[in-house]
Amino acid sequence: MELNSPQRIAVFKFRNIGDVLMMTPSLHALRLHYPKARITAVVNSVTDAMLQNNPDIDETLVYERDARKGNPLRWLFYELSFARQLRQRRFDVTIDFTGGDRTLWYALLSGARQRVGFRNYRWGKYNWRNFVLNCGFKQPDDSMHEVEKHAWLLRQVGVSGGDGPLCLKTDAASDKWARGLIETRRPGKVVHVHPVSRWLFKCWEDASMAAVIDWLQSERKASVIVSTSNNPRERERAQQIVARCRTTPTVLDGNVTLEQLTALSAQADCFFGVDTAPMHIAAAVGTPAVALFGPSNPAHWHPWSKNQITLSKDCPCRTSGSQVCDWTQTRACLAAITVEEAQKALGEFL
């Protein structure tokens, strides 16, 4: 199936930071295939930072997630206003990389003649969702990485490519900030460590993370810069890890922007951390990455880069598709990853 020479394309990804990054190869494929089309990326607030200065899109339309909080009437007005913004852009084609009900409604309300997405028969073959997508396709292989999944969908409508590198641009002000932070630590190696995810069940044992930080600084003579988001639970967990360290890493305690985090990763020699957005940011800027995976499937979510090593153990939660482990504790699969394995992987890049 071929698209009808679209002039205006909307690409939806109502997910998180890393998810938006992983659709950037497909945005590039669309730009190459339709060089004159106007391409609009429709994403959640905050995640739009991953698309700043992206050369493959003409516009980013941001859905404000906070609009859903508080007054229901205000939320309704916001939803109607957002649908109106989509309608006014007169899209010829919508491409849904999200797979959620909100995207389907917006695709329908946009008035686009062709609506592309994944047809999901788990909803039921005759479910209304499947009929919204008049260019819907059943994904044949559930083992695909997210980048490959997006590329596969584009191939069904005649667009090749989509499995190339991620695209993430830094800005001059953030580059300058990162240089000021890193240059004082040269000529030694600098390792960016992001030890905590907002999903705490993805976190490694605190003692193991602290041991690797100490090893990097004392044995490898590298300078470690630890980052965390401004989420209170993440900050508290990161502080607990640093308190266990014998050495003294630099800590960016929730006080950096995504743009600064991107510039820091771009100038660091290596990234080490858990399965979270900064891991994907490191991959996008070409920094060698060592990533720790627990119950989430690395086949779907590993850093999309040639310079990466993913450490993972079998997890019953992953194979069963349901919560088997005690998610209030460090997952057994994560605890099974040893400090020595992490050191060996980091040694490949340092």
Protein backbone atom coordinates (compact mmCIF):
# COMPACT_ATOMS: atom_id res chain seq x y z
CA MET A 1 0.00 0.00 0.00
CA GLU A 2 1.25 3.47 -0.89
CA LEU A 3 0.25 6.76 0.67
CA ASN A 4 -1.44 9.24 -1.67
CA SER A 5 1.41 11.76 -2.05
CA PRO A 6 0.68 13.47 1.27
CA GLN A 7 1.46 17.15 1.69
CA ARG A 8 0.79 17.26 5.45
CA ILE A 9 1.71 14.38 7.77
CA ALA A 10 1.09 14.04 11.52
CA VAL A 11 3.19 11.51 13.46
CA PHE A 12 1.86 10.66 16.93
CA LYS A 13 3.94 9.40 19.86
CA PHE A 14 2.14 10.02 23.16
CA ARG A 15 4.71 8.23 25.30
CA ASN A 16 7.85 9.07 27.27
CA ILE A 17 11.20 10.65 26.46
CA GLY A 18 12.97 7.54 25.23
CA ASP A 19 9.99 6.49 23.11
CA VAL A 20 10.03 9.81 21.27
CA LEU A 21 13.74 9.46 20.59
CA MET A 22 13.18 6.01 19.11
CA MET A 23 10.84 7.34 16.46
CA THR A 24 13.43 9.80 15.10
CA PRO A 25 14.84 7.31 12.54
CA SER A 26 11.34 6.97 11.11
CA LEU A 27 10.95 10.74 10.96
CA HIS A 28 14.13 10.81 8.90
CA ALA A 29 12.78 8.11 6.58
CA LEU A 30 9.59 10.12 6.06
CA ARG A 31 11.58 13.26 5.29
CA LEU A 32 13.66 11.45 2.68
CA HIS A 33 10.59 9.86 1.08
CA TYR A 34 8.45 13.02 1.15
CA PRO A 35 10.95 15.90 1.02
CA LYS A 36 8.28 18.53 0.28
CA ALA A 37 5.70 17.38 2.83
CA ARG A 38 5.07 19.28 6.05
CA ILE A 39 5.75 16.84 8.90
CA THR A 40 4.32 17.51 12.36
CA ALA A 41 5.36 15.45 15.39
CA VAL A 42 2.58 15.23 17.98
CA VAL A 43 4.00 14.37 21.41
CA ASN A 44 3.50 14.78 25.14
CA SER A 45 4.82 17.80 27.02
CA VAL A 46 8.45 17.52 28.21
CA THR A 47 9.22 14.90 25.55
CA ASP A 48 9.26 17.64 22.90
CA ALA A 49 12.77 18.55 24.15
CA MET A 50 13.97 15.44 22.26
CA LEU A 51 12.88 17.00 18.97
CA GLN A 52 14.40 20.46 19.29
CA ASN A 53 16.30 21.41 16.13
CA ASN A 54 15.39 18.09 14.51
CA PRO A 55 15.90 18.67 10.77
CA ASP A 56 13.31 16.10 9.73
CA ILE A 57 10.21 17.83 11.11
CA ASP A 58 8.60 21.17 10.42
CA GLU A 59 6.63 21.48 13.64
CA THR A 60 6.14 19.91 17.05
CA LEU A 61 2.62 19.98 18.46
CA VAL A 62 2.67 19.41 22.21
CA TYR A 63 -0.09 17.77 24.23
CA GLU A 64 -0.03 19.14 27.79
CA ARG A 65 -0.44 16.12 30.08
CA ASP A 66 -1.09 18.35 33.10
CA ALA A 67 -4.32 19.48 31.46
CA ARG A 68 -5.83 16.18 32.61
CA LYS A 69 -5.37 17.19 36.24
CA GLY A 70 -7.80 19.26 38.23
CA ASN A 71 -11.01 20.66 36.80
CA PRO A 72 -12.75 18.12 34.46
CA LEU A 73 -14.47 20.91 32.55
CA ARG A 74 -11.13 22.60 31.86
CA TRP A 75 -9.76 19.28 30.67
CA LEU A 76 -12.70 18.86 28.29
CA PHE A 77 -12.15 22.32 26.84
CA TYR A 78 -8.45 21.55 26.41
CA GLU A 79 -9.20 18.29 24.59
CA LEU A 80 -11.59 20.06 22.24
CA SER A 81 -9.06 22.83 21.64
CA PHE A 82 -6.31 20.34 20.86
CA ALA A 83 -8.56 18.45 18.44
CA ARG A 84 -9.34 21.78 16.77
CA GLN A 85 -5.62 22.50 16.35
CA LEU A 86 -5.20 19.16 14.62
CA ARG A 87 -8.22 19.76 12.40
CA GLN A 88 -6.98 23.20 11.36
CA ARG A 89 -3.74 21.72 10.04
CA ARG A 90 -5.67 19.66 7.46
CA PHE A 91 -3.47 16.60 7.64
CA ASP A 92 -3.60 14.18 4.72
CA VAL A 93 -2.07 11.34 6.74
CA THR A 94 -1.73 10.47 10.41
CA ILE A 95 0.79 7.85 11.57
CA ASP A 96 0.21 6.36 15.00
CA PHE A 97 3.32 5.03 16.73
CA THR A 98 1.56 5.13 20.12
CA GLY A 99 -1.15 2.53 19.98
CA GLY A 100 -3.48 4.20 22.50
CA ASP A 101 -7.11 5.32 22.40
CA ARG A 102 -6.27 9.03 22.61
CA THR A 103 -4.18 8.85 19.45
CA LEU A 104 -6.91 7.00 17.59
CA TRP A 105 -9.53 9.58 18.51
CA TYR A 106 -7.25 12.42 17.49
CA ALA A 107 -6.41 10.71 14.21
CA LEU A 108 -10.11 10.38 13.46
CA LEU A 109 -10.97 13.93 14.55
CA SER A 110 -8.10 15.38 12.51
CA GLY A 111 -10.00 14.61 9.33
CA ALA A 112 -7.02 12.89 7.71
CA ARG A 113 -8.02 10.70 4.79
CA GLN A 114 -5.40 8.04 5.55
CA ARG A 115 -4.81 6.88 9.12
CA VAL A 116 -1.86 4.54 9.57
CA GLY A 117 -1.20 2.42 12.65
CA PHE A 118 -0.93 -1.01 14.23
CA ARG A 119 -4.11 -3.06 14.11
CA ASN A 120 -4.38 -4.91 17.40
CA TYR A 121 -6.62 -7.97 17.30
CA ARG A 122 -6.23 -8.47 21.03
CA TRP A 123 -8.87 -5.76 21.18
CA GLY A 124 -11.16 -8.06 19.18
CA LYS A 125 -11.19 -8.30 15.40
CA TYR A 126 -14.26 -6.07 15.09
CA ASN A 127 -13.34 -3.59 17.82
CA TRP A 128 -13.96 0.07 16.85
CA ARG A 129 -10.25 0.86 17.31
CA ASN A 130 -9.28 -1.32 14.37
CA PHE A 131 -11.77 0.44 12.08
CA VAL A 132 -10.38 3.89 12.87
CA LEU A 133 -7.19 2.79 11.13
CA ASN A 134 -8.05 2.57 7.45
CA CYS A 135 -4.35 1.77 6.88
CA GLY A 136 -3.95 -0.61 9.80
CA PHE A 137 -1.52 -3.50 9.92
CA LYS A 138 -1.02 -6.44 12.26
CA GLN A 139 2.61 -6.58 13.39
CA PRO A 140 3.90 -10.10 12.61
CA ASP A 141 6.83 -10.27 15.03
CA ASP A 142 6.54 -9.16 18.65
CA SER A 143 10.31 -9.48 19.21
CA MET A 144 11.14 -6.30 17.28
CA HIS A 145 12.95 -3.40 18.88
CA GLU A 146 10.81 -0.26 19.04
CA VAL A 147 12.87 1.38 16.29
CA GLU A 148 12.38 -1.67 14.07
CA LYS A 149 8.67 -1.72 14.87
CA HIS A 150 8.25 1.86 13.63
CA ALA A 151 10.29 1.11 10.51
CA TRP A 152 8.19 -2.00 9.79
CA LEU A 153 4.99 0.05 9.91
CA LEU A 154 6.38 2.59 7.45
CA ARG A 155 7.39 -0.17 5.05
CA GLN A 156 3.75 -1.26 4.86
CA VAL A 157 2.91 2.09 3.26
CA GLY A 158 5.91 2.17 0.93
CA VAL A 159 8.40 4.16 3.01
CA SER A 160 11.80 2.49 3.28
CA GLY A 161 14.45 3.05 5.93
CA GLY A 162 13.54 4.02 9.48
CA ASP A 163 16.09 1.79 11.19
CA GLY A 164 19.04 4.18 11.10
CA PRO A 165 20.60 6.05 14.05
CA LEU A 166 18.62 8.13 16.51
CA CYS A 167 18.67 11.90 16.06
CA LEU A 168 19.16 14.31 18.95
CA LYS A 169 20.66 17.78 18.65
CA THR A 170 22.37 19.74 21.40
CA ASP A 171 22.18 23.51 21.74
CA ALA A 172 25.03 25.98 22.12
CA ALA A 173 24.19 27.11 25.66
CA SER A 174 23.99 23.54 26.97
CA ASP A 175 27.20 22.59 25.14
CA LYS A 176 28.99 25.46 26.86
CA TRP A 177 27.62 24.42 30.26
CA ALA A 178 28.75 20.82 29.75
CA ARG A 179 32.23 21.89 28.62
CA GLY A 180 32.61 23.95 31.77
CA LEU A 181 31.69 20.92 33.85
CA ILE A 182 33.82 18.38 32.01
CA GLU A 183 36.98 20.25 30.96
CA THR A 184 38.14 20.68 34.56
CA ARG A 185 38.20 16.87 34.78
CA ARG A 186 40.35 16.34 31.71
CA PRO A 187 42.61 14.80 30.49
CA GLY A 188 41.12 11.83 32.40
CA LYS A 189 38.02 9.96 31.33
CA VAL A 190 34.59 11.22 32.32
CA VAL A 191 31.73 8.79 32.92
CA HIS A 192 28.12 9.90 33.11
CA VAL A 193 26.21 7.70 35.56
CA HIS A 194 22.42 7.85 35.82
CA PRO A 195 21.69 5.26 38.51
CA VAL A 196 17.95 5.64 39.04
CA SER A 197 14.77 5.36 36.99
CA ARG A 198 11.44 6.95 37.84
CA TRP A 199 10.25 3.34 37.84
CA LEU A 200 12.18 2.21 40.90
CA PHE A 201 11.69 -1.46 40.03
CA LYS A 202 14.25 -0.89 37.26
CA CYS A 203 16.97 0.05 39.75
CA TRP A 204 20.04 -2.04 40.58
CA GLU A 205 21.12 -2.67 44.17
CA ASP A 206 22.46 0.50 45.79
CA ALA A 207 25.61 -1.22 47.07
CA SER A 208 26.45 -2.56 43.61
CA MET A 209 25.96 0.81 41.93
CA ALA A 210 28.13 2.50 44.57
CA ALA A 211 30.83 -0.16 44.13
CA VAL A 212 31.01 0.49 40.38
CA ILE A 213 31.22 4.25 40.92
CA ASP A 214 34.10 3.71 43.36
CA TRP A 215 35.83 1.34 40.93
CA LEU A 216 35.56 3.86 38.10
CA GLN A 217 37.12 6.61 40.20
CA SER A 218 39.72 4.68 42.18
CA GLU A 219 40.78 1.94 39.76
CA ARG A 220 40.06 3.49 36.37
CA LYS A 221 40.93 7.05 37.47
CA ALA A 222 37.80 8.33 35.78
CA SER A 223 35.69 11.23 36.98
CA VAL A 224 32.09 10.20 37.60
CA ILE A 225 29.21 12.63 37.21
CA VAL A 226 25.98 11.30 38.71
CA SER A 227 22.70 12.72 37.45
CA THR A 228 19.11 12.31 38.52
CA SER A 229 15.79 13.90 37.64
CA ASN A 230 14.02 16.29 39.98
CA ASN A 231 11.58 13.58 41.06
CA PRO A 232 11.82 13.38 44.89
CA ARG A 233 11.89 9.57 44.98
CA GLU A 234 14.64 9.42 42.37
CA ARG A 235 16.69 12.05 44.15
CA GLU A 236 16.37 10.22 47.46
CA ARG A 237 17.46 6.93 45.90
CA ALA A 238 20.43 8.55 44.17
CA GLN A 239 21.46 10.20 47.43
CA GLN A 240 21.38 6.82 49.15
CA ILE A 241 23.67 5.39 46.48
CA VAL A 242 26.17 8.25 46.71
CA ALA A 243 26.17 7.97 50.51
CA ARG A 244 27.49 4.42 50.12
CA CYS A 245 30.43 5.55 47.96
CA ARG A 246 33.93 5.72 49.41
CA THR A 247 34.92 8.16 46.66
CA THR A 248 33.25 11.48 45.91
CA PRO A 249 31.50 11.70 42.54
CA THR A 250 30.06 14.95 41.25
CA VAL A 251 26.29 14.90 41.79
CA LEU A 252 23.76 16.80 39.69
CA ASP A 253 20.91 16.49 42.14
CA GLY A 254 17.88 17.01 39.92
CA ASN A 255 19.05 20.47 38.87
CA VAL A 256 19.75 19.94 35.16
CA THR A 257 17.54 20.33 32.11
CA LEU A 258 17.11 17.64 29.49
CA GLU A 259 19.13 19.80 27.11
CA GLN A 260 22.01 19.97 29.60
CA LEU A 261 21.78 16.24 30.22
CA THR A 262 22.04 15.69 26.47
CA ALA A 263 25.14 17.88 26.21
CA LEU A 264 26.72 16.14 29.20
CA SER A 265 26.21 12.72 27.64
CA ALA A 266 27.52 13.94 24.29
CA GLN A 267 30.81 15.09 25.84
CA ALA A 268 31.29 12.21 28.30
CA ASP A 269 33.43 9.21 27.38
CA CYS A 270 30.88 6.65 28.53
CA PHE A 271 27.41 6.28 30.02
CA PHE A 272 26.47 3.81 32.74
CA GLY A 273 22.99 3.41 34.13
CA VAL A 274 19.67 1.67 34.27
CA ASP A 275 16.92 1.39 31.68
CA THR A 276 15.65 4.96 31.54
CA ALA A 277 15.52 8.05 29.31
CA PRO A 278 19.19 9.15 29.78
CA MET A 279 20.25 5.72 28.49
CA HIS A 280 18.44 6.46 25.21
CA ILE A 281 19.84 10.00 25.18
CA ALA A 282 23.39 8.60 25.42
CA ALA A 283 22.68 6.27 22.50
CA ALA A 284 21.22 9.13 20.46
CA VAL A 285 24.34 11.30 20.84
CA GLY A 286 26.70 8.40 20.09
CA THR A 287 28.20 7.94 23.55
CA PRO A 288 29.21 4.35 24.43
CA ALA A 289 26.66 3.01 26.91
CA VAL A 290 26.47 0.17 29.42
CA ALA A 291 22.85 -0.40 30.41
CA LEU A 292 21.32 -2.54 33.16
CA PHE A 293 17.99 -4.19 32.37
CA GLY A 294 15.57 -5.88 34.74
CA PRO A 295 11.98 -6.89 33.96
CA SER A 296 11.67 -4.79 30.79
CA ASN A 297 12.71 -6.64 27.66
CA PRO A 298 16.08 -5.46 26.26
CA ALA A 299 15.17 -6.90 22.87
CA HIS A 300 12.53 -4.15 22.64
CA TRP A 301 14.25 -1.35 24.51
CA HIS A 302 18.05 -1.69 24.48
CA PRO A 303 20.07 1.43 23.53
CA TRP A 304 19.78 1.82 19.75
CA SER A 305 23.49 2.14 19.09
CA LYS A 306 26.43 0.03 17.93
CA ASN A 307 28.45 1.23 20.93
CA GLN A 308 26.40 -0.33 23.68
CA ILE A 309 26.48 -3.30 26.02
CA THR A 310 23.28 -4.43 27.69
CA LEU A 311 23.49 -6.46 30.90
CA SER A 312 20.39 -8.53 31.59
CA LYS A 313 19.28 -11.77 33.24
CA ASP A 314 16.18 -13.87 32.70
CA CYS A 315 13.12 -12.54 34.53
CA PRO A 316 9.81 -14.39 35.06
CA CYS A 317 7.96 -11.07 34.81
CA ARG A 318 9.29 -10.68 31.28
CA THR A 319 8.44 -14.16 30.07
CA SER A 320 5.03 -14.42 31.74
CA GLY A 321 3.88 -10.91 30.84
CA SER A 322 2.65 -10.31 34.38
CA GLN A 323 4.04 -9.27 37.76
CA VAL A 324 5.67 -12.30 39.37
CA CYS A 325 8.50 -10.75 41.39
CA ASP A 326 8.13 -8.56 44.47
CA TRP A 327 8.31 -5.14 42.82
CA THR A 328 8.84 -3.35 46.13
CA GLN A 329 12.35 -4.84 46.27
CA THR A 330 15.29 -4.98 43.85
CA ARG A 331 14.29 -7.45 41.16
CA ALA A 332 16.06 -10.81 41.39
CA CYS A 333 17.03 -10.46 37.72
CA LEU A 334 18.78 -7.16 38.43
CA ALA A 335 20.39 -8.44 41.63
CA ALA A 336 21.84 -11.32 39.59
CA ILE A 337 23.95 -8.86 37.56
CA THR A 338 27.31 -8.73 39.31
CA VAL A 339 29.61 -5.80 39.91
CA GLU A 340 32.31 -7.70 38.03
CA GLU A 341 30.10 -8.00 34.93
CA ALA A 342 29.46 -4.26 34.98
CA GLN A 343 33.17 -3.52 35.41
CA LYS A 344 34.08 -5.79 32.50
CA ALA A 345 31.51 -4.13 30.23
CA LEU A 346 32.68 -0.63 31.16
CA GLY A 347 36.25 -1.71 30.56
CA GLU A 348 35.37 -2.27 26.90
CA PHE A 349 34.84 1.48 26.49
CA LEU A 350 37.36 2.98 28.92
